[in-house]
């Protein structure tokens, strides 16, 4: 039989050949039915070969859910091949109005909707082999593959949404007694690119959708309400004490409020912290404390904070009368909160913000603020701050790439002094810190 005569070019053709409906075939696919995807096509763009199906039936039909013998139909004419879907380029992010980040990163913030359906499953491989799965995103699906790159399972998003996988990392793979893959995906709804509220999905390594979570919050600042859609920005898990807890950060899709929560092993919220400004990073410090980093809208600078996960219900500590005070948040405050002023380079270049990142270290915290966008700077022009575990400022300095950029701007005539003459030659001039005991304090770093 020629390849053309042997090939079945759609779900319908495969279903006709096996005398089963498509729903049953999708179950069988999870058990190994040799259905292939059209490269670059949608999740329903598939093909198969009769010879492969016949061989699979002979080897595996006794182990499938169907106890009744399956009798393939005689060969029929193949359906026309489905043309591969050409992936459209990701939309360009919109500009961010200041001081409020209006329409920031328009197409890089929304996250996937809850799964429409999940297929039935039988294990494809021993547990040890499943630990080697790599879970990634395409424009149309979440795909798990084994070490050899062979697809083990997939979760299709459906025809009404499209993912932008170039903006996403791989899944967060969790071990322990309940291995899992936590995954989010930047999504927009076809055909008009409407953003979709963020959803975090928890899959078993066998491909079952175990849990899902979405921010559906409504928060009010100065009488103005901010609601859906919310984008999920970061996810981190903690398996201490035999129970899994998951920290999740999200920000409003268009405006500046952010939300941080901790989910228990049933995906139930254990508290909510609201930040005036984007939170883009969460990191576990201990089972009881969480570090977050991003930007503060009130102070117009990068931010870093440590939260008590047992006293999470509250908001960032804004000054009384500020339009960035949350009206309907509870009264708890972080353990520690710091804001980092914009540098000279940041101000000269008119950068939209100096967002912060944080690394939890054995003896404290390392915070990096991105003072210029990567496409503008030579390397990474950043300020570096180190804090002890008691939140004392250990160092505050600018990286070497910062001074490379300073020199470039000097040569371009945008800065009129040398590094030796720079008012900030010794590093950032001050840091604003907040504690529950002292409130806001202006800290001058030691030189």
Protein backbone atom coordinates (compact mmCIF):
# COMPACT_ATOMS: atom_id res chain seq x y z
CA UNK A 1 0.00 0.00 0.00
CA UNK A 2 1.40 3.43 -0.91
CA UNK A 3 1.92 6.06 1.79
CA UNK A 4 -0.96 8.09 0.34
CA UNK A 5 -3.35 5.13 0.48
CA UNK A 6 -2.12 4.16 3.95
CA UNK A 7 -2.57 7.64 5.43
CA UNK A 8 -5.66 8.90 7.31
CA UNK A 9 -5.64 12.68 7.32
CA UNK A 10 -8.16 13.71 9.99
CA UNK A 11 -9.87 12.62 13.18
CA UNK A 12 -12.94 11.79 11.09
CA UNK A 13 -10.98 9.52 8.75
CA UNK A 14 -9.39 7.72 11.71
CA UNK A 15 -12.77 7.40 13.42
CA UNK A 16 -14.34 5.96 10.25
CA UNK A 17 -11.52 3.44 9.92
CA UNK A 18 -11.88 2.23 13.52
CA UNK A 19 -15.66 2.58 13.66
CA UNK A 20 -15.40 4.63 16.86
CA UNK A 21 -16.21 8.25 17.75
CA UNK A 22 -13.49 10.88 18.14
CA UNK A 23 -13.93 11.06 21.92
CA UNK A 24 -13.01 7.39 22.22
CA UNK A 25 -10.03 7.90 19.94
CA UNK A 26 -8.70 10.70 22.14
CA UNK A 27 -8.83 8.31 25.11
CA UNK A 28 -7.02 5.68 23.08
CA UNK A 29 -4.43 8.25 21.99
CA UNK A 30 -3.52 8.73 25.66
CA UNK A 31 -2.94 4.97 25.79
CA UNK A 32 -0.67 4.96 22.75
CA UNK A 33 -2.87 5.02 19.65
CA UNK A 34 -0.35 6.23 17.01
CA UNK A 35 -1.94 9.56 16.07
CA UNK A 36 0.42 12.24 14.83
CA UNK A 37 0.15 16.04 14.79
CA UNK A 38 0.57 18.15 11.69
CA UNK A 39 3.71 20.26 12.35
CA UNK A 40 2.65 23.81 13.21
CA UNK A 41 -1.01 22.86 13.08
CA UNK A 42 -3.76 23.14 15.66
CA UNK A 43 -4.41 20.43 18.20
CA UNK A 44 -7.08 18.86 16.00
CA UNK A 45 -4.84 18.79 12.87
CA UNK A 46 -3.80 15.13 12.95
CA UNK A 47 -2.99 12.17 10.73
CA UNK A 48 -2.25 8.47 11.17
CA UNK A 49 -1.31 5.42 9.10
CA UNK A 50 -3.55 2.36 8.83
CA UNK A 51 -0.53 0.06 9.15
CA UNK A 52 0.52 1.73 12.43
CA UNK A 53 -3.03 1.49 13.79
CA UNK A 54 -3.33 -2.18 12.83
CA UNK A 55 -0.04 -2.97 14.56
CA UNK A 56 -1.09 -1.07 17.67
CA UNK A 57 -4.46 -2.81 17.79
CA UNK A 58 -2.80 -6.20 17.52
CA UNK A 59 -0.42 -5.41 20.38
CA UNK A 60 -2.59 -3.31 22.68
CA UNK A 61 -6.29 -3.72 22.07
CA UNK A 62 -6.57 -6.28 24.87
CA UNK A 63 -5.35 -3.67 27.35
CA UNK A 64 -7.61 -0.83 26.25
CA UNK A 65 -10.86 0.20 27.86
CA UNK A 66 -12.84 -1.34 25.00
CA UNK A 67 -13.57 -4.99 25.77
CA UNK A 68 -15.43 -5.53 22.48
CA UNK A 69 -13.15 -6.53 19.57
CA UNK A 70 -12.53 -3.69 17.14
CA UNK A 71 -12.98 -4.46 13.44
CA UNK A 72 -11.39 -1.87 11.15
CA UNK A 73 -13.42 -0.83 8.16
CA UNK A 74 -12.13 -1.39 4.65
CA UNK A 75 -9.85 1.37 3.33
CA UNK A 76 -11.68 4.51 2.31
CA UNK A 77 -10.56 7.61 0.49
CA UNK A 78 -8.48 9.89 2.69
CA UNK A 79 -9.80 13.28 3.72
CA UNK A 80 -7.89 16.27 2.38
CA UNK A 81 -4.87 17.09 4.49
CA UNK A 82 -5.36 19.93 6.94
CA UNK A 83 -3.05 22.79 6.08
CA UNK A 84 -0.64 23.74 8.89
CA UNK A 85 -1.63 26.86 10.81
CA UNK A 86 0.95 29.60 10.37
CA UNK A 87 1.85 31.02 13.76
CA UNK A 88 1.24 34.76 13.82
CA UNK A 89 3.98 36.84 15.47
CA UNK A 90 3.38 37.92 19.05
CA UNK A 91 1.76 41.38 19.25
CA UNK A 92 4.08 44.20 20.25
CA UNK A 93 3.69 45.39 23.87
CA UNK A 94 1.97 48.72 24.28
CA UNK A 95 3.64 51.64 26.01
CA UNK A 96 3.18 52.25 29.71
CA UNK A 97 1.83 55.66 30.72
CA UNK A 98 3.42 57.15 33.82
CA UNK A 99 2.97 57.24 36.69
CA UNK A 100 0.31 54.55 36.24
CA UNK A 101 1.30 51.66 33.92
CA UNK A 102 -1.57 51.98 31.47
CA UNK A 103 -1.87 49.09 29.01
CA UNK A 104 1.57 47.77 29.94
CA UNK A 105 2.78 44.66 28.08
CA UNK A 106 -0.60 44.22 26.51
CA UNK A 107 0.02 40.80 25.07
CA UNK A 108 2.53 39.46 27.60
CA UNK A 109 0.39 39.40 30.70
CA UNK A 110 -2.79 37.35 30.45
CA UNK A 111 -2.72 33.65 31.23
CA UNK A 112 -4.64 30.62 30.06
CA UNK A 113 -8.30 29.84 30.78
CA UNK A 114 -9.37 26.75 32.69
CA UNK A 115 -9.20 23.59 30.62
CA UNK A 116 -12.35 22.84 28.65
CA UNK A 117 -11.91 19.10 28.98
CA UNK A 118 -9.33 16.53 30.08
CA UNK A 119 -8.94 13.15 28.46
CA UNK A 120 -9.05 9.78 30.21
CA UNK A 121 -5.71 8.17 30.95
CA UNK A 122 -3.81 4.96 31.43
CA UNK A 123 -0.14 5.11 32.42
CA UNK A 124 2.26 5.10 29.48
CA UNK A 125 5.44 4.32 31.37
CA UNK A 126 6.76 3.35 34.79
CA UNK A 127 6.92 6.08 37.41
CA UNK A 128 10.67 6.50 37.12
CA UNK A 129 10.35 7.19 33.39
CA UNK A 130 7.59 9.72 33.92
CA UNK A 131 9.92 11.70 36.19
CA UNK A 132 11.97 12.46 33.06
CA UNK A 133 9.12 14.26 31.30
CA UNK A 134 9.66 17.72 29.89
CA UNK A 135 6.50 19.84 29.82
CA UNK A 136 6.48 22.79 27.43
CA UNK A 137 4.08 25.11 25.63
CA UNK A 138 3.12 25.45 22.00
CA UNK A 139 0.69 28.02 20.65
CA UNK A 140 -2.14 25.51 20.99
CA UNK A 141 -1.34 23.11 23.80
CA UNK A 142 0.64 22.02 26.83
CA UNK A 143 2.81 19.13 25.67
CA UNK A 144 4.69 16.54 27.73
CA UNK A 145 7.52 14.60 26.10
CA UNK A 146 9.87 11.91 27.37
CA UNK A 147 13.65 12.05 27.33
CA UNK A 148 13.74 10.93 23.70
CA UNK A 149 11.37 13.75 22.70
CA UNK A 150 8.40 11.43 22.11
CA UNK A 151 5.09 13.02 23.06
CA UNK A 152 3.53 11.37 26.13
CA UNK A 153 0.43 13.55 26.52
CA UNK A 154 -0.95 16.94 25.65
CA UNK A 155 -3.60 19.36 26.84
CA UNK A 156 -5.17 21.34 24.00
CA UNK A 157 -6.30 24.90 24.67
CA UNK A 158 -9.05 24.83 22.05
CA UNK A 159 -9.58 26.72 18.85
CA UNK A 160 -10.69 30.01 20.45
CA UNK A 161 -7.39 30.91 22.17
CA UNK A 162 -3.74 31.09 21.23
CA UNK A 163 -0.65 30.88 23.46
CA UNK A 164 2.48 32.97 23.18
CA UNK A 165 5.02 30.36 24.32
CA UNK A 166 8.04 32.53 23.58
CA UNK A 167 7.13 34.56 26.68
CA UNK A 168 7.04 31.55 29.02
CA UNK A 169 9.42 29.24 30.84
CA UNK A 170 8.88 25.50 30.95
CA UNK A 171 6.63 24.04 33.62
CA UNK A 172 7.66 24.06 37.26
CA UNK A 173 8.26 20.35 37.85
CA UNK A 174 7.66 19.15 41.42
CA UNK A 175 8.87 15.92 42.99
CA UNK A 176 8.01 14.41 46.35
CA UNK A 177 5.18 12.00 47.14
CA UNK A 178 2.87 13.74 44.66
CA UNK A 179 4.91 14.69 41.56
CA UNK A 180 3.32 17.44 39.52
CA UNK A 181 3.79 20.03 36.79
CA UNK A 182 2.65 23.59 37.51
CA UNK A 183 2.21 25.61 34.34
CA UNK A 184 0.87 28.94 33.15
CA UNK A 185 0.66 30.30 29.61
CA UNK A 186 0.23 33.79 28.20
CA UNK A 187 -2.97 33.65 26.19
CA UNK A 188 -5.26 35.84 24.11
CA UNK A 189 -8.65 34.98 22.70
CA UNK A 190 -9.19 34.80 18.97
CA UNK A 191 -10.04 36.55 16.74
CA UNK A 192 -9.71 39.96 18.38
CA UNK A 193 -6.85 39.32 20.84
CA UNK A 194 -8.95 39.83 23.96
CA UNK A 195 -6.86 39.06 27.09
CA UNK A 196 -7.96 36.12 29.22
CA UNK A 197 -7.92 35.96 33.01
CA UNK A 198 -4.93 34.06 34.36
CA UNK A 199 -5.16 30.42 35.37
CA UNK A 200 -2.53 28.27 37.03
CA UNK A 201 -2.85 24.56 36.21
CA UNK A 202 -1.58 21.63 38.26
CA UNK A 203 -1.10 18.47 36.19
CA UNK A 204 -0.11 15.06 37.44
CA UNK A 205 2.85 13.68 35.51
CA UNK A 206 0.37 11.30 33.85
CA UNK A 207 -1.43 14.27 32.32
CA UNK A 208 -4.46 14.61 34.60
CA UNK A 209 -5.58 18.13 35.47
CA UNK A 210 -5.58 17.99 39.27
CA UNK A 211 -6.25 21.61 40.24
CA UNK A 212 -6.65 25.04 38.71
CA UNK A 213 -6.55 28.53 40.19
CA UNK A 214 -7.42 32.00 38.96
CA UNK A 215 -7.36 35.46 40.52
CA UNK A 216 -10.87 36.90 40.28
CA UNK A 217 -10.26 39.68 42.82
CA UNK A 218 -11.78 43.14 42.94
CA UNK A 219 -9.62 45.74 44.72
CA UNK A 220 -10.42 49.42 45.22
CA UNK A 221 -7.99 52.35 45.37
CA UNK A 222 -9.24 55.92 45.87
CA UNK A 223 -12.75 54.75 45.01
CA UNK A 224 -11.71 53.14 41.74
CA UNK A 225 -12.18 49.40 41.33
CA UNK A 226 -9.65 47.11 39.63
CA UNK A 227 -10.82 43.66 38.59
CA UNK A 228 -10.29 41.00 35.95
CA UNK A 229 -8.35 40.15 33.90
CA UNK A 230 -5.36 39.36 36.13
CA UNK A 231 -2.08 38.00 34.77
CA UNK A 232 -0.12 35.38 36.70
CA UNK A 233 3.53 36.42 36.84
CA UNK A 234 5.33 33.90 39.07
CA UNK A 235 4.70 30.60 40.86
CA UNK A 236 6.83 28.85 43.49
CA UNK A 237 6.16 25.70 45.51
CA UNK A 238 7.21 24.68 49.03
CA UNK A 239 6.89 21.06 50.19
CA UNK A 240 8.12 21.57 53.76
CA UNK A 241 6.50 19.66 56.62
CA UNK A 242 4.89 17.15 54.27
CA UNK A 243 2.35 19.63 52.85
CA UNK A 244 2.64 21.47 49.57
CA UNK A 245 2.13 25.22 49.55
CA UNK A 246 2.27 27.27 46.38
CA UNK A 247 2.98 30.99 46.23
CA UNK A 248 1.37 32.79 43.29
CA UNK A 249 1.83 36.39 42.15
CA UNK A 250 -0.31 38.22 39.62
CA UNK A 251 -0.84 41.77 38.42
CA UNK A 252 -3.71 43.61 36.83
CA UNK A 253 -3.55 43.15 33.08
CA UNK A 254 -3.63 46.89 32.28
CA UNK A 255 -3.06 48.82 35.50
CA UNK A 256 -0.68 48.71 38.44
CA UNK A 257 -2.22 46.68 41.34
CA UNK A 258 -0.77 43.24 42.10
CA UNK A 259 -1.89 40.32 44.21
CA UNK A 260 0.12 37.63 46.04
CA UNK A 261 -1.45 34.55 47.58
CA UNK A 262 -0.44 31.20 49.05
CA UNK A 263 -2.40 28.10 48.05
CA UNK A 264 -2.57 24.93 50.10
CA UNK A 265 -2.39 21.42 48.62
CA UNK A 266 -6.07 21.67 47.64
CA UNK A 267 -5.45 25.00 45.84
CA UNK A 268 -7.38 26.91 48.52
CA UNK A 269 -6.11 30.39 49.37
CA UNK A 270 -4.51 30.88 52.78
CA UNK A 271 -4.25 34.66 52.54
CA UNK A 272 -3.93 37.58 50.13
CA UNK A 273 -1.45 40.46 49.94
CA UNK A 274 -2.16 43.42 47.65
CA UNK A 275 0.69 45.58 46.35
CA UNK A 276 0.53 49.06 44.88
CA UNK A 277 2.63 48.21 41.83
CA UNK A 278 3.58 45.08 39.96
CA UNK A 279 4.90 42.00 41.75
CA UNK A 280 6.84 39.87 39.29
CA UNK A 281 8.86 37.55 41.53
CA UNK A 282 8.02 35.36 44.54
CA UNK A 283 10.59 33.29 46.45
CA UNK A 284 10.21 31.14 49.55
CA UNK A 285 12.47 32.24 52.41
CA UNK A 286 11.17 29.61 54.84
CA UNK A 287 7.87 27.75 55.34
CA UNK A 288 6.61 30.89 57.13
CA UNK A 289 8.04 33.71 55.03
CA UNK A 290 7.89 34.75 51.40
CA UNK A 291 10.06 37.27 49.52
CA UNK A 292 8.54 39.27 46.68
CA UNK A 293 9.97 41.84 44.28
CA UNK A 294 8.81 44.18 41.53
CA UNK A 295 7.80 47.86 41.49
CA UNK A 296 6.03 50.28 43.84
CA UNK A 297 3.68 52.79 42.28
CA UNK A 298 3.45 55.16 45.24
CA UNK A 299 7.21 55.65 45.55
CA UNK A 300 7.89 55.18 41.81
CA UNK A 301 10.72 52.75 42.36
CA UNK A 302 11.70 49.09 42.46
CA UNK A 303 10.46 47.19 45.53
CA UNK A 304 11.38 44.18 47.68
CA UNK A 305 9.38 42.84 50.61
CA UNK A 306 9.16 39.89 52.98
CA UNK A 307 5.71 38.61 53.94
CA UNK A 308 4.53 36.48 56.86
CA UNK A 309 2.54 33.68 55.25
CA UNK A 310 0.49 33.24 58.44
CA UNK A 311 -0.45 36.94 58.45
CA UNK A 312 -0.78 37.60 54.74
CA UNK A 313 -4.13 39.41 54.50
CA UNK A 314 -3.20 43.03 53.92
CA UNK A 315 -1.51 45.51 51.59
CA UNK A 316 1.69 47.39 50.91
CA UNK A 317 2.40 50.22 53.41
CA UNK A 318 1.53 53.39 51.51
CA UNK A 319 1.54 56.89 53.01
CA UNK A 320 -1.77 58.16 54.46
CA UNK A 321 -3.89 60.00 51.91
CA UNK A 322 -2.10 58.42 48.97
CA UNK A 323 -4.28 57.41 45.99
CA UNK A 324 -2.45 54.07 46.13
CA UNK A 325 -3.86 53.04 49.52
CA UNK A 326 -6.08 49.96 49.12
CA UNK A 327 -9.62 50.78 50.34
CA UNK A 328 -10.96 47.24 50.77
CA UNK A 329 -7.83 45.34 51.85
CA UNK A 330 -7.38 43.91 55.31
CA UNK A 331 -5.02 45.58 57.74
CA UNK A 332 -1.95 43.32 57.89
CA UNK A 333 1.38 44.65 56.67
CA UNK A 334 4.56 42.97 55.47
CA UNK A 335 7.38 42.08 57.82
CA UNK A 336 9.69 44.30 55.78
CA UNK A 337 9.31 46.51 52.72
CA UNK A 338 11.98 48.42 50.76
CA UNK A 339 11.81 50.81 47.81
CA UNK A 340 14.77 51.65 45.59
CA UNK A 341 14.94 55.09 43.90
CA UNK A 342 15.52 55.40 40.19
CA UNK A 343 19.17 55.91 39.24
CA UNK A 344 20.61 58.77 37.21
CA UNK A 345 20.72 56.56 34.10
CA UNK A 346 17.11 55.55 34.61
CA UNK A 347 15.99 59.17 34.84
CA UNK A 348 18.13 60.40 31.92
CA UNK A 349 16.87 57.65 29.62
CA UNK A 350 13.22 58.05 30.69
CA UNK A 351 12.90 54.35 31.50
CA UNK A 352 9.34 53.33 32.45
CA UNK A 353 10.46 51.76 35.75
CA UNK A 354 13.37 50.07 37.54
CA UNK A 355 11.77 46.75 38.43
CA UNK A 356 13.51 44.66 41.07
CA UNK A 357 14.35 40.98 41.36
CA UNK A 358 15.38 39.11 44.50
CA UNK A 359 17.56 36.10 45.30
CA UNK A 360 17.26 34.42 48.70
CA UNK A 361 20.70 33.59 50.06
CA UNK A 362 21.85 31.70 53.13
CA UNK A 363 22.78 34.86 55.03
CA UNK A 364 20.37 37.36 53.52
CA UNK A 365 18.92 38.72 50.28
CA UNK A 366 20.40 40.03 47.03
CA UNK A 367 18.20 42.50 45.16
CA UNK A 368 18.91 43.69 41.61
CA UNK A 369 17.06 46.61 40.03
CA UNK A 370 17.02 46.80 36.25
CA UNK A 371 17.79 50.45 35.61
CA UNK A 372 17.46 50.30 31.82
CA UNK A 373 15.58 48.04 29.46
CA UNK A 374 17.84 45.22 28.12
CA UNK A 375 17.48 46.45 24.55
CA UNK A 376 18.82 49.88 25.60
CA UNK A 377 21.64 48.97 27.97
CA UNK A 378 25.03 47.44 27.27
CA UNK A 379 24.48 44.13 29.00
CA UNK A 380 22.49 44.63 32.19
CA UNK A 381 22.70 48.10 33.72
CA UNK A 382 21.63 47.40 37.29
CA UNK A 383 21.87 48.46 40.88
CA UNK A 384 22.76 45.75 43.40
CA UNK A 385 21.57 45.75 47.01
CA UNK A 386 22.40 43.23 49.71
CA UNK A 387 20.42 42.81 52.93
CA UNK A 388 21.13 40.72 56.00
CA UNK A 389 18.49 38.37 57.41
CA UNK A 390 17.70 41.17 59.86
CA UNK A 391 17.07 43.50 56.88
CA UNK A 392 20.12 45.67 57.47
CA UNK A 393 21.56 47.16 54.27
CA UNK A 394 24.95 45.53 53.70
CA UNK A 395 25.87 47.02 50.31
CA UNK A 396 24.30 49.25 47.68
CA UNK A 397 26.24 49.73 44.45
CA UNK A 398 25.99 49.89 40.68
CA UNK A 399 27.25 47.06 38.49
CA UNK A 400 30.08 47.44 35.97
CA UNK A 401 27.64 47.48 33.04
CA UNK A 402 25.93 50.46 34.62
CA UNK A 403 29.12 52.47 34.32
CA UNK A 404 29.66 51.27 30.75
CA UNK A 405 26.28 52.74 29.90
CA UNK A 406 27.07 55.88 31.88
CA UNK A 407 30.17 56.39 29.71
CA UNK A 408 28.17 55.80 26.51
CA UNK A 409 25.64 58.46 27.54
CA UNK A 410 28.48 60.81 28.46
CA UNK A 411 29.97 60.43 24.97
CA UNK A 412 26.52 61.01 23.46
CA UNK A 413 26.20 64.28 25.38
CA UNK A 414 23.24 63.09 27.46
CA UNK A 415 25.29 63.15 30.68
CA UNK A 416 27.61 66.09 31.25
CA UNK A 417 29.95 64.67 33.91
CA UNK A 418 32.34 61.76 34.25
CA UNK A 419 31.95 58.82 36.60
CA UNK A 420 34.41 60.46 39.02
CA UNK A 421 32.25 63.61 39.04
CA UNK A 422 28.91 61.75 39.24
CA UNK A 423 26.79 62.55 42.33
CA UNK A 424 26.01 58.80 42.50
CA UNK A 425 29.59 57.59 41.94
CA UNK A 426 29.51 55.67 45.22
CA UNK A 427 26.23 53.96 44.44
CA UNK A 428 22.52 54.59 45.09
CA UNK A 429 22.15 57.58 47.44
CA UNK A 430 19.43 56.13 49.70
CA UNK A 431 16.82 53.39 50.21
CA UNK A 432 13.35 53.76 51.72
CA UNK A 433 12.58 50.93 54.16
CA UNK A 434 9.49 50.08 56.19
CA UNK A 435 9.02 47.84 59.21
CA UNK A 436 6.04 47.27 61.47
CA UNK A 437 7.92 48.80 64.37
CA UNK A 438 9.51 51.88 62.75
CA UNK A 439 7.31 52.66 59.74
CA UNK A 440 9.09 54.40 56.86
CA UNK A 441 12.79 55.22 57.25
CA UNK A 442 15.25 56.77 54.82
CA UNK A 443 18.42 54.66 54.93
CA UNK A 444 21.76 56.03 53.70
CA UNK A 445 23.97 53.06 52.71
CA UNK A 446 27.38 52.80 54.36
CA UNK A 447 30.25 53.55 51.98
